[in-house]
Amino acid sequence: MTIGFIVEMIRSAVLLVLTLSAPMLLVALIVGLLVSIFQATTSIQEQTLTFVPKITAILLVLVFSADWMFTSLSEYTINLFQMIPSVSG
């Protein structure tokens, strides 16, 4: 096991985490921006108004992308388990 191999494993894990979390984070950012613009234009400063649309949007994205996320994560895990013989020997 070389340093380059370990770095590649860590790099692919970080890339997978970023790829899986990006859709939810982008939706939360866009919804938060839209709610903030709405609050600024209407002078409504209710703090709970930001949470409900964000949570709803994130849950919708999670529901619609759960299959893709599970597939990506399971492929990564299978690849890790397949690399075990080459790492130990």
PDB file of N, CA and C in Angstrom:
ATOM      1  N   MET A   1       0.855  -1.164   0.000  1.00  0.00           N
ATOM      2  CA  MET A   1       0.000   0.000   0.000  1.00  0.00           C
ATOM      3  C   MET A   1       0.905   1.231   0.000  1.00  0.00           C
ATOM      4  N   THR A   2       0.752   2.033  -1.024  1.00  0.00           N
ATOM      5  CA  THR A   2       1.577   3.220  -1.149  1.00  0.00           C
ATOM      6  C   THR A   2       0.800   4.453  -0.708  1.00  0.00           C
ATOM      7  N   ILE A   3       1.534   5.527  -0.538  1.00  0.00           N
ATOM      8  CA  ILE A   3       0.913   6.797  -0.162  1.00  0.00           C
ATOM      9  C   ILE A   3      -0.025   7.270  -1.275  1.00  0.00           C
ATOM     10  N   GLY A   4       0.379   7.064  -2.519  1.00  0.00           N
ATOM     11  CA  GLY A   4      -0.466   7.465  -3.641  1.00  0.00           C
ATOM     12  C   GLY A   4      -1.794   6.727  -3.661  1.00  0.00           C
ATOM     13  N   PHE A   5      -1.781   5.451  -3.298  1.00  0.00           N
ATOM     14  CA  PHE A   5      -3.004   4.664  -3.239  1.00  0.00           C
ATOM     15  C   PHE A   5      -3.940   5.183  -2.155  1.00  0.00           C
ATOM     16  N   ILE A   6      -3.369   5.497  -1.000  1.00  0.00           N
ATOM     17  CA  ILE A   6      -4.171   6.023   0.114  1.00  0.00           C
ATOM     18  C   ILE A   6      -4.758   7.380  -0.245  1.00  0.00           C
ATOM     19  N   VAL A   7      -3.943   8.223  -0.869  1.00  0.00           N
ATOM     20  CA  VAL A   7      -4.428   9.544  -1.271  1.00  0.00           C
ATOM     21  C   VAL A   7      -5.548   9.413  -2.291  1.00  0.00           C
ATOM     22  N   GLU A   8      -5.421   8.488  -3.207  1.00  0.00           N
ATOM     23  CA  GLU A   8      -6.470   8.263  -4.217  1.00  0.00           C
ATOM     24  C   GLU A   8      -7.765   7.784  -3.572  1.00  0.00           C
ATOM     25  N   MET A   9      -7.660   6.905  -2.580  1.00  0.00           N
ATOM     26  CA  MET A   9      -8.856   6.435  -1.873  1.00  0.00           C
ATOM     27  C   MET A   9      -9.541   7.580  -1.135  1.00  0.00           C
ATOM     28  N   ILE A  10      -8.762   8.410  -0.459  1.00  0.00           N
ATOM     29  CA  ILE A  10      -9.330   9.543   0.269  1.00  0.00           C
ATOM     30  C   ILE A  10      -9.934  10.555  -0.698  1.00  0.00           C
ATOM     31  N   ARG A  11      -9.244  10.788  -1.818  1.00  0.00           N
ATOM     32  CA  ARG A  11      -9.742  11.739  -2.808  1.00  0.00           C
ATOM     33  C   ARG A  11     -11.075  11.268  -3.385  1.00  0.00           C
ATOM     34  N   SER A  12     -11.190   9.996  -3.696  1.00  0.00           N
ATOM     35  CA  SER A  12     -12.439   9.490  -4.255  1.00  0.00           C
ATOM     36  C   SER A  12     -13.566   9.517  -3.222  1.00  0.00           C
ATOM     37  N   ALA A  13     -13.248   9.297  -1.957  1.00  0.00           N
ATOM     38  CA  ALA A  13     -14.274   9.367  -0.907  1.00  0.00           C
ATOM     39  C   ALA A  13     -14.779  10.796  -0.740  1.00  0.00           C
ATOM     40  N   VAL A  14     -13.866  11.757  -0.719  1.00  0.00           N
ATOM     41  CA  VAL A  14     -14.267  13.161  -0.580  1.00  0.00           C
ATOM     42  C   VAL A  14     -15.080  13.604  -1.798  1.00  0.00           C
ATOM     43  N   LEU A  15     -14.656  13.183  -2.983  1.00  0.00           N
ATOM     44  CA  LEU A  15     -15.390  13.533  -4.200  1.00  0.00           C
ATOM     45  C   LEU A  15     -16.799  12.938  -4.180  1.00  0.00           C
ATOM     46  N   LEU A  16     -16.935  11.722  -3.693  1.00  0.00           N
ATOM     47  CA  LEU A  16     -18.253  11.098  -3.599  1.00  0.00           C
ATOM     48  C   LEU A  16     -19.147  11.844  -2.608  1.00  0.00           C
ATOM     49  N   VAL A  17     -18.588  12.223  -1.476  1.00  0.00           N
ATOM     50  CA  VAL A  17     -19.375  12.975  -0.477  1.00  0.00           C
ATOM     51  C   VAL A  17     -19.835  14.306  -1.053  1.00  0.00           C
ATOM     52  N   LEU A  18     -18.949  15.004  -1.744  1.00  0.00           N
ATOM     53  CA  LEU A  18     -19.324  16.281  -2.356  1.00  0.00           C
ATOM     54  C   LEU A  18     -20.376  16.094  -3.448  1.00  0.00           C
ATOM     55  N   THR A  19     -20.216  15.049  -4.232  1.00  0.00           N
ATOM     56  CA  THR A  19     -21.178  14.791  -5.306  1.00  0.00           C
ATOM     57  C   THR A  19     -22.556  14.441  -4.754  1.00  0.00           C
ATOM     58  N   LEU A  20     -22.596  13.660  -3.690  1.00  0.00           N
ATOM     59  CA  LEU A  20     -23.881  13.261  -3.120  1.00  0.00           C
ATOM     60  C   LEU A  20     -24.566  14.393  -2.361  1.00  0.00           C
ATOM     61  N   SER A  21     -23.801  15.278  -1.769  1.00  0.00           N
ATOM     62  CA  SER A  21     -24.411  16.355  -0.994  1.00  0.00           C
ATOM     63  C   SER A  21     -24.696  17.606  -1.818  1.00  0.00           C
ATOM     64  N   ALA A  22     -24.102  17.723  -2.991  1.00  0.00           N
ATOM     65  CA  ALA A  22     -24.254  18.937  -3.801  1.00  0.00           C
ATOM     66  C   ALA A  22     -25.700  19.252  -4.187  1.00  0.00           C
ATOM     67  N   PRO A  23     -26.502  18.301  -4.646  1.00  0.00           N
ATOM     68  CA  PRO A  23     -27.882  18.671  -5.018  1.00  0.00           C
ATOM     69  C   PRO A  23     -28.687  19.250  -3.861  1.00  0.00           C
ATOM     70  N   MET A  24     -28.566  18.654  -2.684  1.00  0.00           N
ATOM     71  CA  MET A  24     -29.319  19.162  -1.537  1.00  0.00           C
ATOM     72  C   MET A  24     -28.818  20.533  -1.101  1.00  0.00           C
ATOM     73  N   LEU A  25     -27.503  20.714  -1.121  1.00  0.00           N
ATOM     74  CA  LEU A  25     -26.953  22.007  -0.720  1.00  0.00           C
ATOM     75  C   LEU A  25     -27.314  23.106  -1.700  1.00  0.00           C
ATOM     76  N   LEU A  26     -27.291  22.796  -2.988  1.00  0.00           N
ATOM     77  CA  LEU A  26     -27.660  23.800  -3.989  1.00  0.00           C
ATOM     78  C   LEU A  26     -29.130  24.179  -3.886  1.00  0.00           C
ATOM     79  N   VAL A  27     -29.987  23.206  -3.673  1.00  0.00           N
ATOM     80  CA  VAL A  27     -31.417  23.503  -3.518  1.00  0.00           C
ATOM     81  C   VAL A  27     -31.646  24.340  -2.262  1.00  0.00           C
ATOM     82  N   ALA A  28     -30.980  24.003  -1.168  1.00  0.00           N
ATOM     83  CA  ALA A  28     -31.117  24.786   0.060  1.00  0.00           C
ATOM     84  C   ALA A  28     -30.621  26.213  -0.146  1.00  0.00           C
ATOM     85  N   LEU A  29     -29.547  26.378  -0.902  1.00  0.00           N
ATOM     86  CA  LEU A  29     -29.023  27.712  -1.187  1.00  0.00           C
ATOM     87  C   LEU A  29     -30.000  28.523  -2.015  1.00  0.00           C
ATOM     88  N   ILE A  30     -30.555  27.920  -3.052  1.00  0.00           N
ATOM     89  CA  ILE A  30     -31.485  28.640  -3.928  1.00  0.00           C
ATOM     90  C   ILE A  30     -32.774  28.992  -3.197  1.00  0.00           C
ATOM     91  N   VAL A  31     -33.317  28.040  -2.445  1.00  0.00           N
ATOM     92  CA  VAL A  31     -34.551  28.308  -1.696  1.00  0.00           C
ATOM     93  C   VAL A  31     -34.304  29.363  -0.623  1.00  0.00           C
ATOM     94  N   GLY A  32     -33.174  29.284   0.053  1.00  0.00           N
ATOM     95  CA  GLY A  32     -32.849  30.295   1.063  1.00  0.00           C
ATOM     96  C   GLY A  32     -32.708  31.677   0.463  1.00  0.00           C
ATOM     97  N   LEU A  33     -32.105  31.761  -0.716  1.00  0.00           N
ATOM     98  CA  LEU A  33     -31.964  33.046  -1.396  1.00  0.00           C
ATOM     99  C   LEU A  33     -33.320  33.608  -1.800  1.00  0.00           C
ATOM    100  N   LEU A  34     -34.181  32.741  -2.341  1.00  0.00           N
ATOM    101  CA  LEU A  34     -35.515  33.198  -2.742  1.00  0.00           C
ATOM    102  C   LEU A  34     -36.341  33.658  -1.535  1.00  0.00           C
ATOM    103  N   VAL A  35     -36.257  32.926  -0.444  1.00  0.00           N
ATOM    104  CA  VAL A  35     -36.994  33.320   0.759  1.00  0.00           C
ATOM    105  C   VAL A  35     -36.444  34.629   1.319  1.00  0.00           C
ATOM    106  N   SER A  36     -35.138  34.802   1.271  1.00  0.00           N
ATOM    107  CA  SER A  36     -34.539  36.047   1.755  1.00  0.00           C
ATOM    108  C   SER A  36     -34.965  37.234   0.908  1.00  0.00           C
ATOM    109  N   ILE A  37     -35.023  37.043  -0.404  1.00  0.00           N
ATOM    110  CA  ILE A  37     -35.493  38.118  -1.284  1.00  0.00           C
ATOM    111  C   ILE A  37     -36.956  38.432  -0.989  1.00  0.00           C
ATOM    112  N   PHE A  38     -37.757  37.386  -0.799  1.00  0.00           N
ATOM    113  CA  PHE A  38     -39.167  37.589  -0.451  1.00  0.00           C
ATOM    114  C   PHE A  38     -39.304  38.340   0.870  1.00  0.00           C
ATOM    115  N   GLN A  39     -38.506  37.975   1.871  1.00  0.00           N
ATOM    116  CA  GLN A  39     -38.568  38.650   3.170  1.00  0.00           C
ATOM    117  C   GLN A  39     -38.125  40.103   3.059  1.00  0.00           C
ATOM    118  N   ALA A  40     -37.120  40.365   2.246  1.00  0.00           N
ATOM    119  CA  ALA A  40     -36.638  41.735   2.105  1.00  0.00           C
ATOM    120  C   ALA A  40     -37.656  42.615   1.385  1.00  0.00           C
ATOM    121  N   THR A  41     -38.345  42.062   0.401  1.00  0.00           N
ATOM    122  CA  THR A  41     -39.309  42.877  -0.348  1.00  0.00           C
ATOM    123  C   THR A  41     -40.606  43.091   0.420  1.00  0.00           C
ATOM    124  N   THR A  42     -40.990  42.157   1.283  1.00  0.00           N
ATOM    125  CA  THR A  42     -42.249  42.300   2.012  1.00  0.00           C
ATOM    126  C   THR A  42     -42.056  42.771   3.452  1.00  0.00           C
ATOM    127  N   SER A  43     -40.824  42.922   3.875  1.00  0.00           N
ATOM    128  CA  SER A  43     -40.493  43.336   5.245  1.00  0.00           C
ATOM    129  C   SER A  43     -41.018  42.361   6.293  1.00  0.00           C
ATOM    130  N   ILE A  44     -41.175  41.105   5.924  1.00  0.00           N
ATOM    131  CA  ILE A  44     -41.557  40.059   6.887  1.00  0.00           C
ATOM    132  C   ILE A  44     -40.255  39.490   7.437  1.00  0.00           C
ATOM    133  N   GLN A  45     -40.056  39.578   8.735  1.00  0.00           N
ATOM    134  CA  GLN A  45     -38.819  39.114   9.344  1.00  0.00           C
ATOM    135  C   GLN A  45     -39.055  37.918  10.266  1.00  0.00           C
ATOM    136  N   GLU A  46     -39.916  37.036   9.850  1.00  0.00           N
ATOM    137  CA  GLU A  46     -40.200  35.838  10.630  1.00  0.00           C
ATOM    138  C   GLU A  46     -39.086  34.821  10.414  1.00  0.00           C
ATOM    139  N   GLN A  47     -38.433  34.368  11.478  1.00  0.00           N
ATOM    140  CA  GLN A  47     -37.301  33.462  11.374  1.00  0.00           C
ATOM    141  C   GLN A  47     -37.709  32.052  10.932  1.00  0.00           C
ATOM    142  N   THR A  48     -38.897  31.629  11.314  1.00  0.00           N
ATOM    143  CA  THR A  48     -39.314  30.278  10.946  1.00  0.00           C
ATOM    144  C   THR A  48     -39.698  30.176   9.478  1.00  0.00           C
ATOM    145  N   LEU A  49     -39.885  31.286   8.816  1.00  0.00           N
ATOM    146  CA  LEU A  49     -40.259  31.268   7.403  1.00  0.00           C
ATOM    147  C   LEU A  49     -39.153  30.686   6.536  1.00  0.00           C
ATOM    148  N   THR A  50     -37.917  30.763   6.974  1.00  0.00           N
ATOM    149  CA  THR A  50     -36.819  30.230   6.166  1.00  0.00           C
ATOM    150  C   THR A  50     -36.683  28.717   6.298  1.00  0.00           C
ATOM    151  N   PHE A  51     -37.079  28.158   7.425  1.00  0.00           N
ATOM    152  CA  PHE A  51     -36.837  26.738   7.667  1.00  0.00           C
ATOM    153  C   PHE A  51     -37.800  25.813   6.931  1.00  0.00           C
ATOM    154  N   VAL A  52     -39.059  26.126   6.927  1.00  0.00           N
ATOM    155  CA  VAL A  52     -40.057  25.229   6.340  1.00  0.00           C
ATOM    156  C   VAL A  52     -39.834  25.034   4.837  1.00  0.00           C
ATOM    157  N   PRO A  53     -39.652  26.089   4.031  1.00  0.00           N
ATOM    158  CA  PRO A  53     -39.392  25.847   2.604  1.00  0.00           C
ATOM    159  C   PRO A  53     -38.082  25.109   2.350  1.00  0.00           C
ATOM    160  N   LYS A  54     -37.049  25.416   3.131  1.00  0.00           N
ATOM    161  CA  LYS A  54     -35.773  24.714   2.952  1.00  0.00           C
ATOM    162  C   LYS A  54     -35.897  23.232   3.265  1.00  0.00           C
ATOM    163  N   ILE A  55     -36.518  22.910   4.374  1.00  0.00           N
ATOM    164  CA  ILE A  55     -36.669  21.503   4.755  1.00  0.00           C
ATOM    165  C   ILE A  55     -37.516  20.764   3.729  1.00  0.00           C
ATOM    166  N   THR A  56     -38.594  21.394   3.270  1.00  0.00           N
ATOM    167  CA  THR A  56     -39.449  20.766   2.264  1.00  0.00           C
ATOM    168  C   THR A  56     -38.681  20.519   0.970  1.00  0.00           C
ATOM    169  N   ALA A  57     -37.935  21.509   0.514  1.00  0.00           N
ATOM    170  CA  ALA A  57     -37.176  21.368  -0.733  1.00  0.00           C
ATOM    171  C   ALA A  57     -36.088  20.304  -0.602  1.00  0.00           C
ATOM    172  N   ILE A  58     -35.400  20.287   0.516  1.00  0.00           N
ATOM    173  CA  ILE A  58     -34.338  19.291   0.722  1.00  0.00           C
ATOM    174  C   ILE A  58     -34.926  17.889   0.769  1.00  0.00           C
ATOM    175  N   LEU A  59     -36.059  17.715   1.437  1.00  0.00           N
ATOM    176  CA  LEU A  59     -36.696  16.393   1.485  1.00  0.00           C
ATOM    177  C   LEU A  59     -37.159  15.947   0.103  1.00  0.00           C
ATOM    178  N   LEU A  60     -37.671  16.875  -0.699  1.00  0.00           N
ATOM    179  CA  LEU A  60     -38.075  16.519  -2.060  1.00  0.00           C
ATOM    180  C   LEU A  60     -36.883  16.089  -2.908  1.00  0.00           C
ATOM    181  N   VAL A  61     -35.784  16.823  -2.791  1.00  0.00           N
ATOM    182  CA  VAL A  61     -34.581  16.444  -3.530  1.00  0.00           C
ATOM    183  C   VAL A  61     -34.078  15.094  -3.048  1.00  0.00           C
ATOM    184  N   LEU A  62     -34.123  14.871  -1.759  1.00  0.00           N
ATOM    185  CA  LEU A  62     -33.685  13.587  -1.199  1.00  0.00           C
ATOM    186  C   LEU A  62     -34.560  12.432  -1.694  1.00  0.00           C
ATOM    187  N   VAL A  63     -35.859  12.653  -1.763  1.00  0.00           N
ATOM    188  CA  VAL A  63     -36.763  11.607  -2.236  1.00  0.00           C
ATOM    189  C   VAL A  63     -36.493  11.281  -3.706  1.00  0.00           C
ATOM    190  N   PHE A  64     -36.323  12.320  -4.528  1.00  0.00           N
ATOM    191  CA  PHE A  64     -36.146  12.086  -5.954  1.00  0.00           C
ATOM    192  C   PHE A  64     -34.746  11.607  -6.327  1.00  0.00           C
ATOM    193  N   SER A  65     -33.755  11.870  -5.490  1.00  0.00           N
ATOM    194  CA  SER A  65     -32.397  11.448  -5.835  1.00  0.00           C
ATOM    195  C   SER A  65     -31.891  10.304  -4.949  1.00  0.00           C
ATOM    196  N   ALA A  66     -32.750   9.716  -4.156  1.00  0.00           N
ATOM    197  CA  ALA A  66     -32.322   8.646  -3.243  1.00  0.00           C
ATOM    198  C   ALA A  66     -31.806   7.425  -4.000  1.00  0.00           C
ATOM    199  N   ASP A  67     -32.442   7.083  -5.106  1.00  0.00           N
ATOM    200  CA  ASP A  67     -32.002   5.923  -5.876  1.00  0.00           C
ATOM    201  C   ASP A  67     -30.599   6.141  -6.433  1.00  0.00           C
ATOM    202  N   TRP A  68     -30.357   7.314  -7.005  1.00  0.00           N
ATOM    203  CA  TRP A  68     -29.033   7.640  -7.545  1.00  0.00           C
ATOM    204  C   TRP A  68     -27.981   7.675  -6.433  1.00  0.00           C
ATOM    205  N   MET A  69     -28.345   8.248  -5.290  1.00  0.00           N
ATOM    206  CA  MET A  69     -27.401   8.336  -4.184  1.00  0.00           C
ATOM    207  C   MET A  69     -27.052   6.948  -3.653  1.00  0.00           C
ATOM    208  N   PHE A  70     -28.054   6.102  -3.496  1.00  0.00           N
ATOM    209  CA  PHE A  70     -27.808   4.753  -2.997  1.00  0.00           C
ATOM    210  C   PHE A  70     -26.965   3.949  -3.979  1.00  0.00           C
ATOM    211  N   THR A  71     -27.238   4.101  -5.269  1.00  0.00           N
ATOM    212  CA  THR A  71     -26.472   3.386  -6.283  1.00  0.00           C
ATOM    213  C   THR A  71     -25.008   3.820  -6.270  1.00  0.00           C
ATOM    214  N   SER A  72     -24.778   5.116  -6.202  1.00  0.00           N
ATOM    215  CA  SER A  72     -23.406   5.630  -6.181  1.00  0.00           C
ATOM    216  C   SER A  72     -22.656   5.153  -4.945  1.00  0.00           C
ATOM    217  N   LEU A  73     -23.312   5.215  -3.808  1.00  0.00           N
ATOM    218  CA  LEU A  73     -22.668   4.801  -2.566  1.00  0.00           C
ATOM    219  C   LEU A  73     -22.412   3.301  -2.537  1.00  0.00           C
ATOM    220  N   SER A  74     -23.335   2.516  -3.052  1.00  0.00           N
ATOM    221  CA  SER A  74     -23.120   1.067  -3.063  1.00  0.00           C
ATOM    222  C   SER A  74     -22.019   0.677  -4.054  1.00  0.00           C
ATOM    223  N   GLU A  75     -21.930   1.350  -5.195  1.00  0.00           N
ATOM    224  CA  GLU A  75     -20.838   1.075  -6.140  1.00  0.00           C
ATOM    225  C   GLU A  75     -19.483   1.401  -5.526  1.00  0.00           C
ATOM    226  N   TYR A  76     -19.416   2.509  -4.815  1.00  0.00           N
ATOM    227  CA  TYR A  76     -18.162   2.890  -4.155  1.00  0.00           C
ATOM    228  C   TYR A  76     -17.781   1.856  -3.093  1.00  0.00           C
ATOM    229  N   THR A  77     -18.767   1.412  -2.320  1.00  0.00           N
ATOM    230  CA  THR A  77     -18.496   0.428  -1.269  1.00  0.00           C
ATOM    231  C   THR A  77     -18.060  -0.906  -1.865  1.00  0.00           C
ATOM    232  N   ILE A  78     -18.703  -1.323  -2.934  1.00  0.00           N
ATOM    233  CA  ILE A  78     -18.315  -2.571  -3.599  1.00  0.00           C
ATOM    234  C   ILE A  78     -16.890  -2.462  -4.123  1.00  0.00           C
ATOM    235  N   ASN A  79     -16.538  -1.322  -4.717  1.00  0.00           N
ATOM    236  CA  ASN A  79     -15.164  -1.119  -5.201  1.00  0.00           C
ATOM    237  C   ASN A  79     -14.156  -1.165  -4.060  1.00  0.00           C
ATOM    238  N   LEU A  80     -14.510  -0.599  -2.916  1.00  0.00           N
ATOM    239  CA  LEU A  80     -13.604  -0.644  -1.762  1.00  0.00           C
ATOM    240  C   LEU A  80     -13.386  -2.083  -1.305  1.00  0.00           C
ATOM    241  N   PHE A  81     -14.466  -2.860  -1.214  1.00  0.00           N
ATOM    242  CA  PHE A  81     -14.321  -4.249  -0.789  1.00  0.00           C
ATOM    243  C   PHE A  81     -13.560  -5.084  -1.803  1.00  0.00           C
ATOM    244  N   GLN A  82     -13.667  -4.754  -3.076  1.00  0.00           N
ATOM    245  CA  GLN A  82     -12.920  -5.483  -4.093  1.00  0.00           C
ATOM    246  C   GLN A  82     -11.429  -5.151  -4.058  1.00  0.00           C
ATOM    247  N   MET A  83     -11.065  -4.000  -3.494  1.00  0.00           N
ATOM    248  CA  MET A  83      -9.666  -3.610  -3.383  1.00  0.00           C
ATOM    249  C   MET A  83      -8.965  -4.223  -2.167  1.00  0.00           C
ATOM    250  N   ILE A  84      -9.698  -4.846  -1.268  1.00  0.00           N
ATOM    251  CA  ILE A  84      -9.115  -5.389  -0.042  1.00  0.00           C
ATOM    252  C   ILE A  84      -7.993  -6.400  -0.324  1.00  0.00           C
ATOM    253  N   PRO A  85      -8.161  -7.340  -1.240  1.00  0.00           N
ATOM    254  CA  PRO A  85      -7.052  -8.291  -1.483  1.00  0.00           C
ATOM    255  C   PRO A  85      -5.781  -7.610  -1.984  1.00  0.00           C
ATOM    256  N   SER A  86      -5.915  -6.576  -2.790  1.00  0.00           N
ATOM    257  CA  SER A  86      -4.702  -5.917  -3.300  1.00  0.00           C
ATOM    258  C   SER A  86      -4.044  -5.055  -2.234  1.00  0.00           C
ATOM    259  N   VAL A  87      -4.789  -4.620  -1.237  1.00  0.00           N
ATOM    260  CA  VAL A  87      -4.219  -3.791  -0.179  1.00  0.00           C
ATOM    261  C   VAL A  87      -3.485  -4.643   0.843  1.00  0.00           C
ATOM    262  N   SER A  88      -4.054  -5.781   1.197  1.00  0.00           N
ATOM    263  CA  SER A  88      -3.464  -6.595   2.256  1.00  0.00           C
ATOM    264  C   SER A  88      -2.254  -7.396   1.778  1.00  0.00           C
ATOM    265  N   GLY A  89      -2.144  -7.626   0.508  1.00  0.00           N
ATOM    266  CA  GLY A  89      -1.063  -8.477   0.021  1.00  0.00           C
ATOM    267  C   GLY A  89       0.029  -7.669  -0.563  1.00  0.00           C
TER     268      GLY A  89
END
